[in-house]
C-alpha cells in the first residue's frame, strides 16, 4: 500500500491512449494477442470513446478541480486511432466505424476549443490561457503535424513563456493555480526534451539542438539525469535517476538526427 499519493483515486483518461499506443508499438513483435488482452484493449478503446468528454486530473495528477485538459482528450484520440489500426488483430472490425466517428469528433473539439487566440497557442485546458508542456505531445503522437501553424505557435509560446532563465521547460506555471498545491517547482527535463523533439520535428534543427544541449548539461558524473532542475540554483530535484528524462533524451536525440538527415537530403 502506498501512503500520501493523492492520485490513487483520481480520474486520468489519458491512460487509454498510453495503453493502446504501447500495444500498437508492440504489435509487430507479437504473433498473437491472447483473448484476455484482446478484450482488455477493446474495452480501453470503448472507454476512451465514452469518457473523452469528461473532466479529469490530467497527466500531471493535479490536486485542483478537474478540467477539460487538452492532453487527456488528445490521448483519447490516440486510443481510438491506435485501436482502429489494430482492429483486425483485435477482431474488432465491427467497431471501427464508431471509433472513427468519435476520433473525428475529438479532433474537431480539440482544434476548435483548445486553441486560445489570446494565448496564441493550444492551452492547458479548454477555456484557459495557461500553457502546458504536455501539448508538445500533440506532435509526437501524430495529432497534428509539427509544421501546422498552430503547433508552430504553441512551440514558440512554450519556449518563450514556459521556461526558466536557463531555457529549461516547466510543466506549467504554478501561479496559474490549477494544481491546487502551494509553492513552486523545478523545471522538468522530460518537458525540455519534448521541446527539443518538437523543434526537430518541425525542422528547426539549430533551435532543437540548443534546447537539447541545455538539458543534457545537467547529467551527473556518471551520465544520469534527475526529474527536475531547481530554477534558481540548478540543483537536481525529484526522482533520481528518472527514466522519463532518459527516454526523453533518446527520443529527442533521434528526432534531431532525423531532422539533420532531412536537411542534408534537401541540400544535396
Protein backbone atom coordinates (compact mmCIF):
# COMPACT_ATOMS: atom_id res chain seq x y z
CA UNK A 1 0.00 0.00 0.00
CA UNK A 2 1.25 3.49 -0.85
CA UNK A 3 0.53 6.35 1.53
CA UNK A 4 0.44 10.02 0.64
CA UNK A 5 -0.15 9.73 -3.11
CA UNK A 6 -3.27 11.76 -3.77
CA UNK A 7 -3.60 10.35 -7.28
CA UNK A 8 -4.81 6.96 -6.12
CA UNK A 9 -8.49 7.86 -6.64
CA UNK A 10 -8.15 10.36 -9.48
CA UNK A 11 -9.64 10.14 -12.94
CA UNK A 12 -6.93 10.25 -15.63
CA UNK A 13 -8.45 9.46 -19.01
CA UNK A 14 -5.18 9.86 -20.90
CA UNK A 15 -4.18 6.36 -19.80
CA UNK A 16 -6.27 4.70 -22.52
CA UNK A 17 -4.08 6.26 -25.18
CA UNK A 18 -0.91 5.26 -23.37
CA UNK A 19 -2.01 1.63 -23.30
CA UNK A 20 -3.19 1.37 -26.89
CA UNK A 21 -0.19 3.33 -28.12
CA UNK A 22 2.08 0.78 -26.46
CA UNK A 23 0.03 -2.09 -27.89
CA UNK A 24 0.43 -0.79 -31.44
CA UNK A 25 4.17 -0.37 -30.93
CA UNK A 26 4.42 -4.00 -29.87
CA UNK A 27 2.02 -5.40 -32.46
CA UNK A 28 4.67 -6.41 -34.97
CA UNK A 29 6.55 -8.33 -32.28
CA UNK A 30 3.55 -10.36 -31.22
CA UNK A 31 2.33 -13.35 -33.22
CA UNK A 32 -1.00 -13.43 -31.44
CA UNK A 33 -2.92 -11.45 -28.84
CA UNK A 34 -4.44 -13.62 -26.14
CA UNK A 35 -8.16 -13.40 -25.53
CA UNK A 36 -7.96 -11.52 -22.21
CA UNK A 37 -5.62 -8.90 -23.68
CA UNK A 38 -7.79 -8.59 -26.78
CA UNK A 39 -10.90 -7.89 -24.68
CA UNK A 40 -8.96 -5.51 -22.44
CA UNK A 41 -7.68 -3.40 -25.35
CA UNK A 42 -11.12 -3.21 -26.94
CA UNK A 43 -12.53 -2.14 -23.57
CA UNK A 44 -9.85 0.60 -23.33
CA UNK A 45 -10.84 1.97 -26.73
CA UNK A 46 -14.53 1.85 -25.84
CA UNK A 47 -13.78 3.62 -22.55
CA UNK A 48 -11.90 6.38 -24.38
CA UNK A 49 -14.86 6.78 -26.74
CA UNK A 50 -17.25 7.00 -23.78
CA UNK A 51 -15.28 9.22 -21.38
CA UNK A 52 -13.36 11.68 -23.57
CA UNK A 53 -15.93 14.44 -22.92
CA UNK A 54 -15.34 14.28 -19.15
CA UNK A 55 -13.10 16.42 -16.99
CA UNK A 56 -10.17 14.74 -15.24
CA UNK A 57 -6.97 15.47 -13.28
CA UNK A 58 -4.76 15.09 -16.33
CA UNK A 59 -1.26 13.77 -16.88
CA UNK A 60 0.18 15.82 -14.00
CA UNK A 61 -2.29 14.46 -11.42
CA UNK A 62 -3.34 17.95 -10.33
CA UNK A 63 -4.93 18.31 -6.91
CA UNK A 64 -7.13 21.19 -8.04
CA UNK A 65 -10.52 20.92 -9.69
CA UNK A 66 -10.85 18.56 -12.65
CA UNK A 67 -10.65 20.30 -16.02
CA UNK A 68 -11.06 19.54 -19.70
CA UNK A 69 -7.32 19.03 -20.17
CA UNK A 70 -6.27 19.01 -23.81
CA UNK A 71 -3.66 16.31 -23.31
CA UNK A 72 -6.28 13.93 -21.90
CA UNK A 73 -8.55 14.43 -24.89
CA UNK A 74 -5.67 14.07 -27.33
CA UNK A 75 -4.74 10.77 -25.71
CA UNK A 76 -8.32 9.53 -26.04
CA UNK A 77 -7.91 10.35 -29.75
CA UNK A 78 -4.70 8.30 -29.68
CA UNK A 79 -6.53 5.39 -28.06
CA UNK A 80 -9.09 5.30 -30.86
CA UNK A 81 -6.56 5.95 -33.62
CA UNK A 82 -4.40 3.03 -32.47
CA UNK A 83 -7.40 0.78 -31.85
CA UNK A 84 -8.53 1.38 -35.45
CA UNK A 85 -5.05 0.39 -36.66
CA UNK A 86 -5.22 -2.76 -34.51
CA UNK A 87 -8.84 -3.61 -35.29
CA UNK A 88 -8.12 -6.67 -37.45
CA UNK A 89 -5.77 -8.13 -34.85
CA UNK A 90 -8.29 -7.41 -32.12
CA UNK A 91 -11.21 -8.90 -34.03
CA UNK A 92 -12.97 -5.55 -33.66
CA UNK A 93 -13.75 -4.60 -37.26
CA UNK A 94 -17.38 -4.08 -36.29
CA UNK A 95 -16.36 -1.20 -34.01
CA UNK A 96 -14.20 0.70 -36.50
CA UNK A 97 -16.90 2.99 -37.91
CA UNK A 98 -17.96 4.07 -34.43
CA UNK A 99 -14.37 4.58 -33.30
CA UNK A 100 -13.64 6.67 -36.42
CA UNK A 101 -16.65 8.88 -35.76
CA UNK A 102 -15.58 9.62 -32.19
CA UNK A 103 -11.94 10.08 -33.22
CA UNK A 104 -13.01 12.81 -35.65
CA UNK A 105 -15.23 14.42 -33.02
CA UNK A 106 -12.34 14.59 -30.56
CA UNK A 107 -10.02 16.10 -33.18
CA UNK A 108 -12.53 18.77 -34.14
CA UNK A 109 -13.20 19.64 -30.49
CA UNK A 110 -9.53 19.99 -29.57
CA UNK A 111 -8.55 22.14 -32.54
CA UNK A 112 -11.64 24.33 -32.10
CA UNK A 113 -11.86 24.68 -28.32
CA UNK A 114 -8.24 24.05 -27.33
CA UNK A 115 -6.76 26.92 -29.31
CA UNK A 116 -6.79 30.25 -27.46
CA UNK A 117 -6.42 33.38 -29.54
CA UNK A 118 -5.27 35.45 -26.58
CA UNK A 119 -2.51 32.97 -25.73
CA UNK A 120 -1.75 32.33 -29.42
CA UNK A 121 -1.34 28.67 -28.50
CA UNK A 122 -3.10 25.46 -27.60
CA UNK A 123 -3.62 25.83 -23.88
CA UNK A 124 -3.67 23.60 -20.83
CA UNK A 125 -7.42 23.07 -20.75
CA UNK A 126 -10.48 24.35 -22.55
CA UNK A 127 -11.20 27.97 -21.62
CA UNK A 128 -7.75 28.58 -20.17
CA UNK A 129 -4.95 30.87 -21.33
CA UNK A 130 -2.34 28.84 -19.42
CA UNK A 131 0.35 26.89 -21.24
CA UNK A 132 1.19 23.25 -20.63
CA UNK A 133 4.26 21.41 -21.93
CA UNK A 134 2.22 18.25 -22.46
CA UNK A 135 0.66 19.88 -25.54
CA UNK A 136 4.00 19.35 -27.28
CA UNK A 137 2.96 15.70 -27.40
CA UNK A 138 0.32 16.59 -29.99
CA UNK A 139 3.18 16.50 -32.49
CA UNK A 140 4.76 13.29 -31.21
CA UNK A 141 1.55 11.24 -31.28
CA UNK A 142 0.55 12.42 -34.76
CA UNK A 143 -2.44 14.51 -33.72
CA UNK A 144 -1.15 17.48 -35.75
CA UNK A 145 1.96 17.85 -37.90
CA UNK A 146 4.81 19.82 -36.37
CA UNK A 147 4.62 22.28 -39.25
CA UNK A 148 0.97 23.16 -38.60
CA UNK A 149 0.90 26.93 -37.90
CA UNK A 150 -0.97 26.37 -34.62
CA UNK A 151 1.65 23.90 -33.46
CA UNK A 152 4.50 26.18 -34.50
CA UNK A 153 2.87 28.97 -32.49
CA UNK A 154 2.41 26.66 -29.49
CA UNK A 155 6.04 25.54 -29.65
CA UNK A 156 7.16 29.18 -29.75
CA UNK A 157 4.88 30.14 -26.86
CA UNK A 158 6.20 27.31 -24.69
CA UNK A 159 9.83 28.17 -25.45
CA UNK A 160 9.25 31.86 -24.77
CA UNK A 161 6.82 31.81 -21.82
CA UNK A 162 7.14 28.42 -20.11
CA UNK A 163 10.89 28.31 -19.48
CA UNK A 164 13.27 29.49 -16.77
CA UNK A 165 16.28 31.75 -17.28
CA UNK A 166 18.31 28.74 -18.46
CA UNK A 167 15.75 27.86 -21.13
CA UNK A 168 14.54 24.70 -19.35
CA UNK A 169 10.82 23.96 -19.56
CA UNK A 170 8.27 23.94 -16.74
CA UNK A 171 5.34 21.52 -16.91
CA UNK A 172 3.06 24.53 -16.36
CA UNK A 173 3.25 27.68 -14.23
CA UNK A 174 2.17 27.01 -10.66
CA UNK A 175 0.89 30.56 -10.24
CA UNK A 176 -1.94 29.69 -12.62
CA UNK A 177 -3.31 27.67 -9.69
CA UNK A 178 -4.56 24.59 -11.49
CA UNK A 179 -2.57 22.10 -9.40
CA UNK A 180 -4.16 23.09 -6.09
CA UNK A 181 -0.81 22.99 -4.29
CA UNK A 182 1.23 25.69 -2.60
CA UNK A 183 4.79 26.57 -3.57
CA UNK A 184 6.87 26.40 -6.72
CA UNK A 185 8.51 23.52 -8.56
CA UNK A 186 11.51 22.97 -10.75
CA UNK A 187 11.70 22.70 -14.49
CA UNK A 188 11.14 19.23 -15.94
CA UNK A 189 13.86 17.65 -18.05
CA UNK A 190 11.34 15.44 -19.86
CA UNK A 191 9.40 18.54 -20.92
CA UNK A 192 12.62 20.19 -22.08
CA UNK A 193 13.42 17.17 -24.24
CA UNK A 194 9.85 17.30 -25.58
CA UNK A 195 10.54 20.85 -26.72
CA UNK A 196 13.77 19.78 -28.42
CA UNK A 197 11.94 16.91 -30.15
CA UNK A 198 9.07 19.12 -31.32
CA UNK A 199 11.53 21.68 -32.71
CA UNK A 200 13.40 18.92 -34.54
CA UNK A 201 10.17 17.51 -35.98
CA UNK A 202 9.36 20.99 -37.32
CA UNK A 203 12.81 21.08 -38.95
CA UNK A 204 14.12 23.82 -36.65
CA UNK A 205 17.31 21.89 -36.12
CA UNK A 206 19.54 24.59 -34.64
CA UNK A 207 16.93 25.55 -32.05
CA UNK A 208 16.30 21.88 -31.26
CA UNK A 209 19.99 21.17 -30.71
CA UNK A 210 20.37 24.25 -28.49
CA UNK A 211 17.49 23.12 -26.25
CA UNK A 212 18.82 19.55 -26.19
CA UNK A 213 22.31 20.67 -25.16
CA UNK A 214 20.90 22.86 -22.39
CA UNK A 215 19.14 19.82 -20.95
CA UNK A 216 21.99 17.31 -21.23
CA UNK A 217 24.30 19.75 -19.44
CA UNK A 218 22.64 18.54 -16.23
CA UNK A 219 23.79 14.91 -16.40
CA UNK A 220 25.78 13.95 -13.34
CA UNK A 221 29.28 12.46 -13.25
CA UNK A 222 28.00 9.03 -14.33
CA UNK A 223 25.62 10.32 -17.01
CA UNK A 224 22.36 10.14 -15.08
CA UNK A 225 19.53 12.68 -15.03
CA UNK A 226 17.03 13.64 -12.37
CA UNK A 227 13.39 14.51 -12.88
CA UNK A 228 13.62 18.26 -12.29
CA UNK A 229 16.09 21.13 -12.05
CA UNK A 230 15.78 23.89 -9.46
CA UNK A 231 15.07 27.04 -11.48
CA UNK A 232 17.19 29.19 -9.16
CA UNK A 233 20.12 27.01 -8.10
CA UNK A 234 20.37 24.41 -10.87
CA UNK A 235 20.20 21.65 -8.25
CA UNK A 236 18.83 18.25 -9.33
CA UNK A 237 15.35 17.67 -7.87
CA UNK A 238 12.74 14.92 -7.74
CA UNK A 239 13.11 11.26 -8.65
CA UNK A 240 16.67 10.20 -9.39
CA UNK A 241 17.56 8.68 -11.70
CA UNK A 242 14.40 9.40 -13.68
CA UNK A 243 13.66 7.02 -16.54
CA UNK A 244 11.34 9.52 -18.25
CA UNK A 245 14.16 12.05 -18.51
CA UNK A 246 16.37 9.47 -20.22
CA UNK A 247 13.56 8.36 -22.54
CA UNK A 248 13.03 11.99 -23.49
CA UNK A 249 16.75 12.36 -24.17
CA UNK A 250 16.81 9.35 -26.50
CA UNK A 251 13.68 10.43 -28.40
CA UNK A 252 14.92 14.00 -28.81
CA UNK A 253 18.36 12.85 -29.97
CA UNK A 254 16.74 10.56 -32.56
CA UNK A 255 14.44 13.36 -33.78
CA UNK A 256 17.36 15.76 -34.16
CA UNK A 257 19.33 13.13 -36.08
CA UNK A 258 16.36 12.54 -38.41
CA UNK A 259 15.92 16.28 -38.93
CA UNK A 260 19.59 16.64 -39.83
CA UNK A 261 19.24 13.81 -42.36
CA UNK A 262 16.24 15.55 -43.94
CA UNK A 263 18.18 18.80 -44.14
CA UNK A 264 21.15 17.04 -45.74
CA UNK A 265 18.93 15.35 -48.34
CA UNK A 266 17.20 18.64 -49.15
CA UNK A 267 20.51 20.39 -49.75
CA UNK A 268 22.08 17.63 -51.87
